[in-house]
Amino acid sequence: MLMTQFPAPSDVAGVYDGFGRIYRTVWGPNIHYGYWENDADDSSIEEATHRLTDLMISGLAAQSDERVLDIGCGIGNPALRLISACDVNVVGISVSHDQVAQATKRAAAAGLADRATFQFADAMDMPFPDGSFDAAWALESMWHMPDRSHVLAETARVLRPGGRLAIADVIQRGPVSPEGRVVLDHICENYAVHSLGTVDEYRMALAANGFVDVEIRDITDNVIRTLTLMADAFETVHDKLADLVGEEKATSLIDFVRRFGAIPESGYLFLTAVRA
């Protein structure tokens, strides 16, 4: 039996089942950062978020008919793009019943229900047999985990030897300034985030849990624009947010998203690894 930890699954679900629903109406079905090639890249949010998914797809290098675990599947859009690109079978897990329902509907609408299944499950205690997946990915779900190393241990358990892993995650870069601490603490306390990991912590946790051939890229410069655009998107639905969470919290949310995008401590990594 796992000890009670923060965030609990209900905390994470509360974020995405609350203002996350409003967020989707202005951001789109890819509930994650975008990737731009350089400062001159004027790609739309849709194009940029697809590009980040495609980076994950390339890193996973999945083969036809392989079984892939999607850890923190959201409403399923990245998983469906993976299936279309690689003809794999995906099992997605989420701690939000609403997300599971949305993802299941999207798979059916896309004619991919035979390739994509989604279920309510906690990544800290996965309900799968040992070695039951060929590959796994976690797209911006790891920062919500109470214990990333434990999730990596569970992932290693359910992956077969030689199974591949890809992760995209929001991280902390460098020493933390007083302003950075205020912003990071606010993010953690209000949006079901236990803590932001670092590149070094990821390297140690991956090695400790049997992953090899680890490649980590800091892609902050390619994705950080997301936060300004996200704050702009929230501004357009400020009244709806205020109705949901109150005027003060809605204003605070938008302010801290902007501040999060401005501090040097705000980082982002993309990594791949192999289960030994």
C-alpha atoms as a PDB file:
ATOM      1  CA  MET A   1       0.000   0.000   0.000  1.00  0.00           C
ATOM      2  CA  LEU A   2       1.458   3.361  -1.064  1.00  0.00           C
ATOM      3  CA  MET A   3       1.585   6.123   1.511  1.00  0.00           C
ATOM      4  CA  THR A   4      -0.557   9.189   0.877  1.00  0.00           C
ATOM      5  CA  GLN A   5       1.470  11.661  -1.142  1.00  0.00           C
ATOM      6  CA  PHE A   6       0.994  14.977  -2.886  1.00  0.00           C
ATOM      7  CA  PRO A   7      -0.413  15.381  -5.379  1.00  0.00           C
ATOM      8  CA  ALA A   8      -3.053  12.726  -4.949  1.00  0.00           C
ATOM      9  CA  PRO A   9      -4.737  11.459  -8.131  1.00  0.00           C
ATOM     10  CA  SER A  10      -7.806  13.521  -7.227  1.00  0.00           C
ATOM     11  CA  ASP A  11      -5.656  16.677  -7.067  1.00  0.00           C
ATOM     12  CA  VAL A  12      -4.376  16.133 -10.603  1.00  0.00           C
ATOM     13  CA  ALA A  13      -7.826  15.227 -11.901  1.00  0.00           C
ATOM     14  CA  GLY A  14      -9.210  18.375 -10.293  1.00  0.00           C
ATOM     15  CA  VAL A  15      -6.855  20.580 -12.294  1.00  0.00           C
ATOM     16  CA  TYR A  16      -7.764  19.051 -15.657  1.00  0.00           C
ATOM     17  CA  ASP A  17     -11.448  18.539 -14.914  1.00  0.00           C
ATOM     18  CA  GLY A  18     -11.737  22.153 -13.722  1.00  0.00           C
ATOM     19  CA  PHE A  19     -10.148  25.021 -15.600  1.00  0.00           C
ATOM     20  CA  GLY A  20      -8.516  22.498 -17.936  1.00  0.00           C
ATOM     21  CA  ARG A  21     -11.848  22.089 -19.718  1.00  0.00           C
ATOM     22  CA  ILE A  22     -12.012  25.822 -20.384  1.00  0.00           C
ATOM     23  CA  TYR A  23      -8.362  25.828 -21.413  1.00  0.00           C
ATOM     24  CA  ARG A  24      -9.052  23.210 -24.090  1.00  0.00           C
ATOM     25  CA  THR A  25     -11.606  25.472 -25.755  1.00  0.00           C
ATOM     26  CA  VAL A  26      -8.930  28.070 -26.593  1.00  0.00           C
ATOM     27  CA  TRP A  27      -5.789  25.932 -26.834  1.00  0.00           C
ATOM     28  CA  GLY A  28      -7.039  22.869 -28.670  1.00  0.00           C
ATOM     29  CA  PRO A  29      -6.905  19.108 -28.090  1.00  0.00           C
ATOM     30  CA  ASN A  30      -3.113  18.968 -27.593  1.00  0.00           C
ATOM     31  CA  ILE A  31      -2.938  19.925 -23.929  1.00  0.00           C
ATOM     32  CA  HIS A  32       0.804  20.456 -23.897  1.00  0.00           C
ATOM     33  CA  TYR A  33       3.586  22.808 -24.941  1.00  0.00           C
ATOM     34  CA  GLY A  34       4.422  23.609 -28.553  1.00  0.00           C
ATOM     35  CA  TYR A  35       7.778  23.328 -30.310  1.00  0.00           C
ATOM     36  CA  TRP A  36       9.135  26.082 -32.564  1.00  0.00           C
ATOM     37  CA  GLU A  37      12.302  25.649 -34.608  1.00  0.00           C
ATOM     38  CA  ASN A  38      13.648  29.132 -33.815  1.00  0.00           C
ATOM     39  CA  ASP A  39      12.569  32.673 -32.951  1.00  0.00           C
ATOM     40  CA  ALA A  40      11.571  33.333 -36.557  1.00  0.00           C
ATOM     41  CA  ASP A  41       9.255  30.322 -36.671  1.00  0.00           C
ATOM     42  CA  ASP A  42       5.691  31.681 -36.819  1.00  0.00           C
ATOM     43  CA  SER A  43       3.917  28.320 -36.681  1.00  0.00           C
ATOM     44  CA  SER A  44       0.469  28.252 -35.125  1.00  0.00           C
ATOM     45  CA  ILE A  45      -0.184  26.685 -31.730  1.00  0.00           C
ATOM     46  CA  GLU A  46      -1.746  23.691 -33.477  1.00  0.00           C
ATOM     47  CA  GLU A  47       1.300  23.202 -35.694  1.00  0.00           C
ATOM     48  CA  ALA A  48       3.723  23.670 -32.806  1.00  0.00           C
ATOM     49  CA  THR A  49       1.926  21.263 -30.471  1.00  0.00           C
ATOM     50  CA  HIS A  50       1.772  18.654 -33.228  1.00  0.00           C
ATOM     51  CA  ARG A  51       5.501  19.178 -33.748  1.00  0.00           C
ATOM     52  CA  LEU A  52       6.221  18.360 -30.101  1.00  0.00           C
ATOM     53  CA  THR A  53       4.125  15.207 -30.412  1.00  0.00           C
ATOM     54  CA  ASP A  54       6.067  14.306 -33.551  1.00  0.00           C
ATOM     55  CA  LEU A  55       9.338  14.757 -31.636  1.00  0.00           C
ATOM     56  CA  MET A  56       8.069  12.243 -29.102  1.00  0.00           C
ATOM     57  CA  ILE A  57       7.018   9.884 -31.882  1.00  0.00           C
ATOM     58  CA  SER A  58      10.467  10.044 -33.489  1.00  0.00           C
ATOM     59  CA  GLY A  59      12.156   9.436 -30.138  1.00  0.00           C
ATOM     60  CA  LEU A  60       9.998   6.430 -29.364  1.00  0.00           C
ATOM     61  CA  ALA A  61      10.744   4.833 -32.763  1.00  0.00           C
ATOM     62  CA  ALA A  62       7.814   2.448 -32.319  1.00  0.00           C
ATOM     63  CA  GLN A  63       7.260  -0.368 -34.806  1.00  0.00           C
ATOM     64  CA  SER A  64       4.009  -1.591 -36.345  1.00  0.00           C
ATOM     65  CA  ASP A  65       1.792  -3.629 -33.988  1.00  0.00           C
ATOM     66  CA  GLU A  66       3.904  -2.855 -30.914  1.00  0.00           C
ATOM     67  CA  ARG A  67       2.097  -2.169 -27.649  1.00  0.00           C
ATOM     68  CA  VAL A  68       2.739   1.320 -26.252  1.00  0.00           C
ATOM     69  CA  LEU A  69       1.842   2.674 -22.824  1.00  0.00           C
ATOM     70  CA  ASP A  70       0.775   6.340 -22.701  1.00  0.00           C
ATOM     71  CA  ILE A  71       1.404   7.532 -19.125  1.00  0.00           C
ATOM     72  CA  GLY A  72      -0.939  10.452 -18.484  1.00  0.00           C
ATOM     73  CA  CYS A  73      -2.810  10.261 -21.761  1.00  0.00           C
ATOM     74  CA  GLY A  74      -4.897  13.433 -21.456  1.00  0.00           C
ATOM     75  CA  ILE A  75      -7.772  13.376 -23.919  1.00  0.00           C
ATOM     76  CA  GLY A  76      -5.864  11.081 -26.256  1.00  0.00           C
ATOM     77  CA  ASN A  77      -4.808  13.320 -29.122  1.00  0.00           C
ATOM     78  CA  PRO A  78      -1.059  12.514 -29.026  1.00  0.00           C
ATOM     79  CA  ALA A  79      -1.819   8.793 -28.741  1.00  0.00           C
ATOM     80  CA  LEU A  80      -4.037   8.889 -31.821  1.00  0.00           C
ATOM     81  CA  ARG A  81      -1.341  10.737 -33.764  1.00  0.00           C
ATOM     82  CA  LEU A  82       1.174   8.077 -32.688  1.00  0.00           C
ATOM     83  CA  ILE A  83      -1.118   5.310 -33.911  1.00  0.00           C
ATOM     84  CA  SER A  84      -1.647   7.014 -37.267  1.00  0.00           C
ATOM     85  CA  ALA A  85       2.110   7.483 -37.706  1.00  0.00           C
ATOM     86  CA  CYS A  86       3.322   4.057 -36.549  1.00  0.00           C
ATOM     87  CA  ASP A  87       0.337   1.665 -36.641  1.00  0.00           C
ATOM     88  CA  VAL A  88       0.871   0.666 -33.009  1.00  0.00           C
ATOM     89  CA  ASN A  89      -1.550  -0.308 -30.254  1.00  0.00           C
ATOM     90  CA  VAL A  90      -1.797   2.186 -27.387  1.00  0.00           C
ATOM     91  CA  VAL A  91      -3.036   1.794 -23.849  1.00  0.00           C
ATOM     92  CA  GLY A  92      -3.468   5.208 -22.229  1.00  0.00           C
ATOM     93  CA  ILE A  93      -3.853   5.817 -18.515  1.00  0.00           C
ATOM     94  CA  SER A  94      -5.120   8.855 -16.640  1.00  0.00           C
ATOM     95  CA  VAL A  95      -6.317   9.702 -13.133  1.00  0.00           C
ATOM     96  CA  SER A  96      -9.170  11.723 -14.647  1.00  0.00           C
ATOM     97  CA  HIS A  97     -12.339   9.812 -15.492  1.00  0.00           C
ATOM     98  CA  ASP A  98     -13.347  12.741 -17.709  1.00  0.00           C
ATOM     99  CA  GLN A  99     -10.119  12.503 -19.713  1.00  0.00           C
ATOM    100  CA  VAL A 100     -10.540   8.747 -20.131  1.00  0.00           C
ATOM    101  CA  ALA A 101     -14.068   9.282 -21.442  1.00  0.00           C
ATOM    102  CA  GLN A 102     -12.970  12.062 -23.809  1.00  0.00           C
ATOM    103  CA  ALA A 103     -10.039  10.000 -25.131  1.00  0.00           C
ATOM    104  CA  THR A 104     -12.261   6.965 -25.680  1.00  0.00           C
ATOM    105  CA  LYS A 105     -14.742   9.065 -27.670  1.00  0.00           C
ATOM    106  CA  ARG A 106     -11.956  10.555 -29.781  1.00  0.00           C
ATOM    107  CA  ALA A 107     -10.554   7.127 -30.589  1.00  0.00           C
ATOM    108  CA  ALA A 108     -13.981   5.906 -31.692  1.00  0.00           C
ATOM    109  CA  ALA A 109     -14.583   9.021 -33.804  1.00  0.00           C
ATOM    110  CA  ALA A 110     -11.217   8.535 -35.499  1.00  0.00           C
ATOM    111  CA  GLY A 111     -11.969   4.894 -36.247  1.00  0.00           C
ATOM    112  CA  LEU A 112      -9.113   3.788 -34.001  1.00  0.00           C
ATOM    113  CA  ALA A 113     -10.997   2.169 -31.124  1.00  0.00           C
ATOM    114  CA  ASP A 114      -9.427  -1.182 -32.028  1.00  0.00           C
ATOM    115  CA  ARG A 115      -5.951   0.336 -31.614  1.00  0.00           C
ATOM    116  CA  ALA A 116      -6.437   2.691 -28.676  1.00  0.00           C
ATOM    117  CA  THR A 117      -7.857   1.944 -25.239  1.00  0.00           C
ATOM    118  CA  PHE A 118      -7.891   4.324 -22.305  1.00  0.00           C
ATOM    119  CA  GLN A 119      -8.426   3.525 -18.659  1.00  0.00           C
ATOM    120  CA  PHE A 120      -8.415   5.064 -15.223  1.00  0.00           C
ATOM    121  CA  ALA A 121      -5.144   4.105 -13.531  1.00  0.00           C
ATOM    122  CA  ASP A 122      -2.449   5.604 -11.332  1.00  0.00           C
ATOM    123  CA  ALA A 123       1.087   5.614 -12.754  1.00  0.00           C
ATOM    124  CA  MET A 124       2.387   5.095  -9.219  1.00  0.00           C
ATOM    125  CA  ASP A 125       0.687   1.668  -9.152  1.00  0.00           C
ATOM    126  CA  MET A 126       0.111   0.403 -12.681  1.00  0.00           C
ATOM    127  CA  PRO A 127      -2.367  -2.469 -13.141  1.00  0.00           C
ATOM    128  CA  PHE A 128      -0.312  -4.261 -15.786  1.00  0.00           C
ATOM    129  CA  PRO A 129       1.797  -7.440 -15.797  1.00  0.00           C
ATOM    130  CA  ASP A 130       5.576  -7.291 -15.936  1.00  0.00           C
ATOM    131  CA  GLY A 131       7.026  -6.832 -19.416  1.00  0.00           C
ATOM    132  CA  SER A 132       3.669  -6.235 -21.074  1.00  0.00           C
ATOM    133  CA  PHE A 133       4.642  -3.210 -23.222  1.00  0.00           C
ATOM    134  CA  ASP A 134       7.162  -2.649 -26.009  1.00  0.00           C
ATOM    135  CA  ALA A 135       7.440   1.099 -25.402  1.00  0.00           C
ATOM    136  CA  ALA A 136       6.120   3.866 -23.162  1.00  0.00           C
ATOM    137  CA  TRP A 137       5.946   7.621 -23.159  1.00  0.00           C
ATOM    138  CA  ALA A 138       5.000  10.386 -20.761  1.00  0.00           C
ATOM    139  CA  LEU A 139       4.150  13.718 -22.345  1.00  0.00           C
ATOM    140  CA  GLU A 140       4.061  16.391 -19.626  1.00  0.00           C
ATOM    141  CA  SER A 141       2.667  14.038 -17.007  1.00  0.00           C
ATOM    142  CA  MET A 142       5.786  13.362 -14.929  1.00  0.00           C
ATOM    143  CA  TRP A 143       5.782  16.706 -13.157  1.00  0.00           C
ATOM    144  CA  HIS A 144       2.447  15.731 -11.598  1.00  0.00           C
ATOM    145  CA  MET A 145       3.879  12.527 -10.103  1.00  0.00           C
ATOM    146  CA  PRO A 146       4.433  12.414  -6.331  1.00  0.00           C
ATOM    147  CA  ASP A 147       7.594  10.355  -6.905  1.00  0.00           C
ATOM    148  CA  ARG A 148       9.106  10.336 -10.393  1.00  0.00           C
ATOM    149  CA  SER A 149      11.627   7.644  -9.509  1.00  0.00           C
ATOM    150  CA  HIS A 150       8.837   5.342  -8.370  1.00  0.00           C
ATOM    151  CA  VAL A 151       6.949   5.911 -11.626  1.00  0.00           C
ATOM    152  CA  LEU A 152      10.123   5.122 -13.570  1.00  0.00           C
ATOM    153  CA  ALA A 153      10.454   1.901 -11.554  1.00  0.00           C
ATOM    154  CA  GLU A 154       6.869   0.981 -12.429  1.00  0.00           C
ATOM    155  CA  THR A 155       7.533   1.854 -16.074  1.00  0.00           C
ATOM    156  CA  ALA A 156      10.642  -0.345 -16.122  1.00  0.00           C
ATOM    157  CA  ARG A 157       8.594  -3.170 -14.615  1.00  0.00           C
ATOM    158  CA  VAL A 158       5.883  -3.096 -17.292  1.00  0.00           C
ATOM    159  CA  LEU A 159       8.335  -2.643 -20.176  1.00  0.00           C
ATOM    160  CA  ARG A 160       9.981  -5.649 -21.769  1.00  0.00           C
ATOM    161  CA  PRO A 161      13.803  -5.726 -21.844  1.00  0.00           C
ATOM    162  CA  GLY A 162      14.854  -3.460 -24.695  1.00  0.00           C
ATOM    163  CA  GLY A 163      11.623  -1.480 -24.426  1.00  0.00           C
ATOM    164  CA  ARG A 164      11.915   2.202 -25.264  1.00  0.00           C
ATOM    165  CA  LEU A 165      10.884   5.224 -23.231  1.00  0.00           C
ATOM    166  CA  ALA A 166      10.324   8.844 -24.254  1.00  0.00           C
ATOM    167  CA  ILE A 167       9.554  11.693 -21.859  1.00  0.00           C
ATOM    168  CA  ALA A 168       8.836  15.387 -22.352  1.00  0.00           C
ATOM    169  CA  ASP A 169       8.662  17.277 -19.074  1.00  0.00           C
ATOM    170  CA  VAL A 170       8.696  20.708 -17.510  1.00  0.00           C
ATOM    171  CA  ILE A 171      11.841  21.030 -15.384  1.00  0.00           C
ATOM    172  CA  GLN A 172      13.806  23.413 -13.185  1.00  0.00           C
ATOM    173  CA  ARG A 173      17.024  24.858 -14.584  1.00  0.00           C
ATOM    174  CA  GLY A 174      19.909  26.250 -12.537  1.00  0.00           C
ATOM    175  CA  PRO A 175      19.882  27.739  -9.039  1.00  0.00           C
ATOM    176  CA  VAL A 176      16.605  29.269  -7.906  1.00  0.00           C
ATOM    177  CA  SER A 177      16.352  33.021  -7.328  1.00  0.00           C
ATOM    178  CA  PRO A 178      13.909  34.553  -4.804  1.00  0.00           C
ATOM    179  CA  GLU A 179      11.513  35.472  -7.633  1.00  0.00           C
ATOM    180  CA  GLY A 180      11.917  32.016  -9.116  1.00  0.00           C
ATOM    181  CA  ARG A 181      11.086  30.412  -5.784  1.00  0.00           C
ATOM    182  CA  VAL A 182       7.859  32.417  -5.488  1.00  0.00           C
ATOM    183  CA  VAL A 183       6.760  31.371  -8.959  1.00  0.00           C
ATOM    184  CA  LEU A 184       7.768  27.715  -8.640  1.00  0.00           C
ATOM    185  CA  ASP A 185       6.119  27.371  -5.232  1.00  0.00           C
ATOM    186  CA  HIS A 186       2.907  28.884  -6.603  1.00  0.00           C
ATOM    187  CA  ILE A 187       2.878  26.477  -9.551  1.00  0.00           C
ATOM    188  CA  CYS A 188       3.406  23.481  -7.280  1.00  0.00           C
ATOM    189  CA  GLU A 189       0.844  24.524  -4.682  1.00  0.00           C
ATOM    190  CA  ASN A 190      -1.937  25.402  -7.122  1.00  0.00           C
ATOM    191  CA  TYR A 191      -1.616  23.071 -10.087  1.00  0.00           C
ATOM    192  CA  ALA A 192      -1.012  19.621  -8.581  1.00  0.00           C
ATOM    193  CA  VAL A 193       2.738  19.590  -9.143  1.00  0.00           C
ATOM    194  CA  HIS A 194       4.932  17.869  -6.556  1.00  0.00           C
ATOM    195  CA  SER A 195       8.148  19.507  -7.710  1.00  0.00           C
ATOM    196  CA  LEU A 196      10.053  20.276 -10.876  1.00  0.00           C
ATOM    197  CA  GLY A 197      12.790  17.786 -11.610  1.00  0.00           C
ATOM    198  CA  THR A 198      16.207  18.593 -13.038  1.00  0.00           C
ATOM    199  CA  VAL A 199      18.312  17.001 -15.742  1.00  0.00           C
ATOM    200  CA  ASP A 200      20.667  15.539 -13.113  1.00  0.00           C
ATOM    201  CA  GLU A 201      17.777  14.072 -11.111  1.00  0.00           C
ATOM    202  CA  TYR A 202      16.402  12.429 -14.227  1.00  0.00           C
ATOM    203  CA  ARG A 203      19.788  10.920 -15.104  1.00  0.00           C
ATOM    204  CA  MET A 204      20.129   9.439 -11.611  1.00  0.00           C
ATOM    205  CA  ALA A 205      16.554   8.133 -11.477  1.00  0.00           C
ATOM    206  CA  LEU A 206      16.763   6.534 -14.922  1.00  0.00           C
ATOM    207  CA  ALA A 207      20.053   4.803 -14.068  1.00  0.00           C
ATOM    208  CA  ALA A 208      18.712   3.642 -10.698  1.00  0.00           C
ATOM    209  CA  ASN A 209      15.701   2.038 -12.361  1.00  0.00           C
ATOM    210  CA  GLY A 210      17.497   0.103 -15.067  1.00  0.00           C
ATOM    211  CA  PHE A 211      17.375   2.457 -18.047  1.00  0.00           C
ATOM    212  CA  VAL A 212      20.347   2.753 -20.382  1.00  0.00           C
ATOM    213  CA  ASP A 213      21.242   4.596 -23.597  1.00  0.00           C
ATOM    214  CA  VAL A 214      19.842   7.744 -22.032  1.00  0.00           C
ATOM    215  CA  GLU A 215      19.752  10.841 -24.227  1.00  0.00           C
ATOM    216  CA  ILE A 216      18.515  14.123 -22.750  1.00  0.00           C
ATOM    217  CA  ARG A 217      17.971  17.373 -24.637  1.00  0.00           C
ATOM    218  CA  ASP A 218      17.165  20.707 -23.054  1.00  0.00           C
ATOM    219  CA  ILE A 219      14.642  22.160 -25.515  1.00  0.00           C
ATOM    220  CA  THR A 220      13.567  25.123 -23.391  1.00  0.00           C
ATOM    221  CA  ASP A 221      14.402  27.661 -26.090  1.00  0.00           C
ATOM    222  CA  ASN A 222      12.124  25.832 -28.526  1.00  0.00           C
ATOM    223  CA  VAL A 223       9.093  25.614 -26.249  1.00  0.00           C
ATOM    224  CA  ILE A 224       9.170  28.512 -23.774  1.00  0.00           C
ATOM    225  CA  ARG A 225       7.038  30.703 -26.064  1.00  0.00           C
ATOM    226  CA  THR A 226       4.177  28.409 -25.089  1.00  0.00           C
ATOM    227  CA  LEU A 227       3.699  30.123 -21.738  1.00  0.00           C
ATOM    228  CA  THR A 228       3.156  33.605 -23.177  1.00  0.00           C
ATOM    229  CA  LEU A 229       0.712  32.234 -25.718  1.00  0.00           C
ATOM    230  CA  MET A 230      -0.998  30.203 -23.009  1.00  0.00           C
ATOM    231  CA  ALA A 231      -1.468  33.302 -20.852  1.00  0.00           C
ATOM    232  CA  ASP A 232      -2.867  35.140 -23.879  1.00  0.00           C
ATOM    233  CA  ALA A 233      -5.302  32.266 -24.445  1.00  0.00           C
ATOM    234  CA  PHE A 234      -6.421  32.373 -20.826  1.00  0.00           C
ATOM    235  CA  GLU A 235      -7.006  36.126 -21.142  1.00  0.00           C
ATOM    236  CA  THR A 236      -9.598  35.478 -23.848  1.00  0.00           C
ATOM    237  CA  VAL A 237     -11.655  33.344 -21.436  1.00  0.00           C
ATOM    238  CA  HIS A 238     -10.960  35.339 -18.279  1.00  0.00           C
ATOM    239  CA  ASP A 239     -14.658  35.719 -17.447  1.00  0.00           C
ATOM    240  CA  LYS A 240     -15.306  31.981 -17.748  1.00  0.00           C
ATOM    241  CA  LEU A 241     -12.304  31.250 -15.561  1.00  0.00           C
ATOM    242  CA  ALA A 242     -13.502  33.792 -13.004  1.00  0.00           C
ATOM    243  CA  ASP A 243     -16.936  32.157 -12.925  1.00  0.00           C
ATOM    244  CA  LEU A 244     -15.259  28.806 -12.273  1.00  0.00           C
ATOM    245  CA  VAL A 245     -12.522  29.656  -9.776  1.00  0.00           C
ATOM    246  CA  GLY A 246     -13.207  33.268  -8.754  1.00  0.00           C
ATOM    247  CA  GLU A 247     -11.842  36.571 -10.033  1.00  0.00           C
ATOM    248  CA  GLU A 248      -8.753  36.598  -7.818  1.00  0.00           C
ATOM    249  CA  LYS A 249      -7.633  33.103  -8.718  1.00  0.00           C
ATOM    250  CA  ALA A 250      -8.310  33.627 -12.432  1.00  0.00           C
ATOM    251  CA  THR A 251      -6.172  36.770 -12.472  1.00  0.00           C
ATOM    252  CA  SER A 252      -3.472  35.023 -10.445  1.00  0.00           C
ATOM    253  CA  LEU A 253      -3.435  32.058 -12.835  1.00  0.00           C
ATOM    254  CA  ILE A 254      -2.780  34.260 -15.856  1.00  0.00           C
ATOM    255  CA  ASP A 255      -0.177  36.335 -14.014  1.00  0.00           C
ATOM    256  CA  PHE A 256       1.790  33.314 -12.824  1.00  0.00           C
ATOM    257  CA  VAL A 257       1.744  31.630 -16.229  1.00  0.00           C
ATOM    258  CA  ARG A 258       3.383  34.763 -17.651  1.00  0.00           C
ATOM    259  CA  ARG A 259       5.891  34.923 -14.799  1.00  0.00           C
ATOM    260  CA  PHE A 260       6.654  31.213 -15.181  1.00  0.00           C
ATOM    261  CA  GLY A 261       7.580  31.862 -18.808  1.00  0.00           C
ATOM    262  CA  ALA A 262       9.863  34.750 -17.849  1.00  0.00           C
ATOM    263  CA  ILE A 263      12.035  33.219 -15.116  1.00  0.00           C
ATOM    264  CA  PRO A 264      15.294  31.477 -16.154  1.00  0.00           C
ATOM    265  CA  GLU A 265      14.492  28.574 -13.840  1.00  0.00           C
ATOM    266  CA  SER A 266      11.625  27.501 -16.120  1.00  0.00           C
ATOM    267  CA  GLY A 267      12.939  24.720 -18.348  1.00  0.00           C
ATOM    268  CA  TYR A 268      11.864  21.798 -20.480  1.00  0.00           C
ATOM    269  CA  LEU A 269      13.506  18.527 -21.482  1.00  0.00           C
ATOM    270  CA  PHE A 270      13.016  15.768 -23.996  1.00  0.00           C
ATOM    271  CA  LEU A 271      14.595  12.410 -23.227  1.00  0.00           C
ATOM    272  CA  THR A 272      14.768   8.898 -24.571  1.00  0.00           C
ATOM    273  CA  ALA A 273      16.030   5.765 -22.881  1.00  0.00           C
ATOM    274  CA  VAL A 274      15.983   1.974 -23.168  1.00  0.00           C
ATOM    275  CA  ARG A 275      14.946  -0.514 -20.521  1.00  0.00           C
ATOM    276  CA  ALA A 276      17.982  -2.757 -19.954  1.00  0.00           C
END
